[in-house]
Amino acid sequence: MVEATKDRILMACNSLLREMPFERVTVSLIIKRSGVSKSTFYRYFLDKYDVLNYNYKRNLDRWIVSRKCKNWRELYYCIFSSSIKDKRREKNAYAVGGTNSYSQFLHDYSYQTIENMTVSCRGIPLTREEKLNLSLFCYGGIAVNEDWLKGELNYTVDEMTDLIFMAMPESMRYLWKQPR
């Protein structure tokens, strides 16, 4: 029931993002579109930014846990395929700037996911240099995805996947451990 309600709210937000820029999307519009009450909305989400970010978190976690992806390359393929399939929503999400920017959330969640997976595989924390390289990789990958969605980069999904995979810090590139 909880997941179904959260998904209804998320789908309503995504639907609105396909129609208008994020700054015009309000919690009231999300509530109206999803058919949930205000208290139900706030039971699951802090605000509209939380709903926006939940979309990426939910997808990334599902791709990893479901075993759909067996390595980083397959995960990047899922990310790029999903981005291009829902290009309008993604472009509107990327337009969110400032403190609650979508790009910053993508960086933070992607960084944490890769760091956790690496530490889980190796049993030791990232070095200072690896932390810097991972942060650069995450910021760069996110910026490249945004430019690609804007049409500034002319690559196929497979080409983007391969380029991002090869840009991943080498010490982490082949470390993958399915969560139990």
Protein backbone atom coordinates (compact mmCIF):
# COMPACT_ATOMS: atom_id res chain seq x y z
CA MET A 1 0.00 0.00 0.00
CA VAL A 2 2.80 2.42 0.92
CA GLU A 3 4.69 1.83 -2.33
CA ALA A 4 1.50 2.07 -4.39
CA THR A 5 0.66 5.44 -2.83
CA LYS A 6 4.21 6.74 -3.27
CA ASP A 7 4.15 5.58 -6.89
CA ARG A 8 0.84 7.39 -7.49
CA ILE A 9 2.36 10.61 -6.16
CA LEU A 10 5.51 10.06 -8.21
CA MET A 11 3.59 9.32 -11.41
CA ALA A 12 1.53 12.49 -10.89
CA CYS A 13 4.70 14.56 -10.48
CA ASN A 14 6.29 12.93 -13.54
CA SER A 15 3.16 13.58 -15.58
CA LEU A 16 3.20 17.25 -14.58
CA LEU A 17 6.92 17.49 -15.43
CA ARG A 18 6.16 16.33 -18.96
CA GLU A 19 3.71 19.23 -19.29
CA MET A 20 5.47 22.13 -17.55
CA PRO A 21 8.74 23.32 -16.04
CA PHE A 22 9.39 22.16 -12.49
CA GLU A 23 9.10 25.68 -11.04
CA ARG A 24 5.40 25.67 -12.06
CA VAL A 25 4.76 22.27 -10.49
CA THR A 26 3.33 22.68 -7.00
CA VAL A 27 2.53 20.26 -4.22
CA SER A 28 -1.14 21.21 -4.70
CA LEU A 29 -0.97 20.19 -8.38
CA ILE A 30 0.73 16.91 -7.47
CA ILE A 31 -1.91 16.21 -4.82
CA LYS A 32 -4.75 17.00 -7.22
CA ARG A 33 -3.27 14.86 -10.03
CA SER A 34 -2.49 11.92 -7.73
CA GLY A 35 -5.79 12.00 -5.90
CA VAL A 36 -4.21 11.78 -2.45
CA SER A 37 -4.82 14.06 0.50
CA LYS A 38 -2.37 16.71 1.64
CA SER A 39 -1.60 14.72 4.80
CA THR A 40 -0.94 11.58 2.73
CA PHE A 41 1.45 13.51 0.49
CA TYR A 42 3.40 14.83 3.49
CA ARG A 43 3.42 11.41 5.14
CA TYR A 44 5.67 10.20 2.31
CA PHE A 45 7.44 13.28 0.96
CA LEU A 46 8.88 16.48 2.42
CA ASP A 47 8.15 18.60 -0.64
CA LYS A 48 8.08 18.53 -4.44
CA TYR A 49 11.88 18.26 -4.57
CA ASP A 50 11.73 15.10 -2.51
CA VAL A 51 9.30 13.58 -5.04
CA LEU A 52 11.55 14.61 -7.94
CA ASN A 53 14.59 12.99 -6.34
CA TYR A 54 12.69 9.87 -5.34
CA ASN A 55 12.25 9.01 -9.02
CA TYR A 56 16.01 8.62 -9.57
CA LYS A 57 16.59 6.90 -6.22
CA ARG A 58 13.77 4.40 -6.81
CA ASN A 59 14.94 3.56 -10.34
CA LEU A 60 18.61 3.21 -9.42
CA ASP A 61 17.84 1.03 -6.40
CA ARG A 62 15.44 -1.17 -8.37
CA TRP A 63 17.89 -1.69 -11.22
CA ILE A 64 20.60 -2.77 -8.79
CA VAL A 65 18.48 -4.89 -6.44
CA SER A 66 16.39 -6.55 -9.17
CA ARG A 67 19.53 -7.97 -10.73
CA LYS A 68 18.55 -6.38 -14.03
CA CYS A 69 22.06 -4.94 -14.00
CA LYS A 70 25.04 -7.16 -13.35
CA ASN A 71 27.72 -4.49 -13.68
CA TRP A 72 28.22 -0.72 -13.91
CA ARG A 73 28.00 -0.67 -17.70
CA GLU A 74 24.54 -2.26 -17.62
CA LEU A 75 23.44 0.22 -14.96
CA TYR A 76 24.64 3.18 -17.07
CA TYR A 77 22.76 1.74 -20.02
CA CYS A 78 19.57 1.70 -17.93
CA ILE A 79 20.18 5.29 -16.82
CA PHE A 80 20.76 6.63 -20.34
CA SER A 81 17.90 4.60 -21.82
CA SER A 82 15.53 5.85 -19.15
CA SER A 83 16.70 9.46 -19.61
CA ILE A 84 16.16 9.46 -23.36
CA LYS A 85 12.77 7.69 -23.13
CA ASP A 86 11.48 10.40 -20.79
CA LYS A 87 13.51 13.26 -22.25
CA ARG A 88 11.02 16.05 -21.58
CA ARG A 89 10.60 15.11 -17.91
CA GLU A 90 14.36 14.77 -17.48
CA LYS A 91 15.10 18.13 -19.12
CA ASN A 92 12.55 19.83 -16.86
CA ALA A 93 14.07 18.10 -13.84
CA TYR A 94 17.58 19.25 -14.78
CA ALA A 95 16.31 22.84 -14.99
CA VAL A 96 15.93 22.85 -11.20
CA GLY A 97 18.78 24.87 -9.76
CA GLY A 98 19.84 26.15 -6.39
CA THR A 99 19.89 24.40 -3.04
CA ASN A 100 17.53 21.60 -4.07
CA SER A 101 18.94 21.05 -7.54
CA TYR A 102 18.28 17.75 -9.25
CA SER A 103 21.91 17.64 -10.42
CA GLN A 104 23.20 17.91 -6.86
CA PHE A 105 20.90 15.11 -5.71
CA LEU A 106 22.03 12.95 -8.65
CA HIS A 107 25.65 13.57 -7.70
CA ASP A 108 25.14 12.83 -4.01
CA TYR A 109 23.07 9.68 -4.51
CA SER A 110 25.24 8.32 -7.34
CA TYR A 111 28.42 9.02 -5.37
CA GLN A 112 27.03 7.26 -2.29
CA THR A 113 25.86 4.27 -4.33
CA ILE A 114 29.24 3.78 -6.05
CA GLU A 115 31.17 4.37 -2.81
CA ASN A 116 29.02 1.86 -0.90
CA MET A 117 29.38 -0.76 -3.63
CA THR A 118 33.16 -0.26 -3.81
CA VAL A 119 33.63 -0.48 -0.05
CA SER A 120 31.35 -3.53 0.07
CA CYS A 121 33.47 -5.29 -2.58
CA ARG A 122 36.89 -4.32 -1.24
CA GLY A 123 36.22 -4.06 2.47
CA ILE A 124 38.25 -0.85 2.74
CA PRO A 125 37.25 2.81 2.42
CA LEU A 126 38.01 4.94 -0.62
CA THR A 127 41.30 6.79 -0.61
CA ARG A 128 41.37 10.59 -0.73
CA GLU A 129 42.24 10.46 -4.42
CA GLU A 130 39.45 7.98 -5.15
CA LYS A 131 36.93 10.24 -3.41
CA LEU A 132 38.03 13.17 -5.56
CA ASN A 133 37.99 11.09 -8.75
CA LEU A 134 34.56 9.69 -7.90
CA SER A 135 33.14 13.15 -7.27
CA LEU A 136 34.59 14.43 -10.57
CA PHE A 137 33.18 11.38 -12.35
CA CYS A 138 29.69 11.89 -10.88
CA TYR A 139 29.57 15.62 -11.60
CA GLY A 140 30.94 15.06 -15.10
CA GLY A 141 28.60 12.19 -15.91
CA ILE A 142 25.59 14.19 -14.81
CA ALA A 143 26.64 17.25 -16.83
CA VAL A 144 27.27 15.06 -19.89
CA ASN A 145 23.83 13.44 -19.54
CA GLU A 146 22.20 16.87 -19.34
CA ASP A 147 24.10 18.11 -22.42
CA TRP A 148 23.19 14.91 -24.27
CA LEU A 149 19.49 15.39 -23.48
CA LYS A 150 19.70 18.97 -24.75
CA GLY A 151 21.04 17.62 -28.05
CA GLU A 152 24.51 19.09 -27.58
CA LEU A 153 26.17 15.68 -27.87
CA ASN A 154 25.46 13.39 -30.79
CA TYR A 155 25.84 9.88 -29.38
CA THR A 156 23.63 6.80 -29.23
CA VAL A 157 22.61 5.27 -25.90
CA ASP A 158 25.25 2.55 -26.38
CA GLU A 159 27.98 5.08 -27.16
CA MET A 160 27.08 7.20 -24.14
CA THR A 161 27.04 4.10 -21.96
CA ASP A 162 30.49 2.99 -23.13
CA LEU A 163 32.02 6.46 -22.79
CA ILE A 164 30.70 6.96 -19.26
CA PHE A 165 31.69 3.44 -18.23
CA MET A 166 35.25 4.02 -19.44
CA ALA A 167 35.35 7.40 -17.64
CA MET A 168 34.53 5.73 -14.33
CA PRO A 169 37.52 5.59 -11.97
CA GLU A 170 39.38 2.43 -12.90
CA SER A 171 39.75 1.27 -9.29
CA MET A 172 35.93 1.04 -9.08
CA ARG A 173 34.94 0.16 -12.65
CA TYR A 174 34.86 -3.62 -12.28
CA LEU A 175 33.71 -3.84 -8.66
CA TRP A 176 30.07 -4.93 -8.46
CA LYS A 177 28.31 -6.80 -5.70
CA GLN A 178 24.59 -7.50 -5.76
CA PRO A 179 22.85 -6.58 -2.53
CA ARG A 180 21.26 -9.56 -0.78
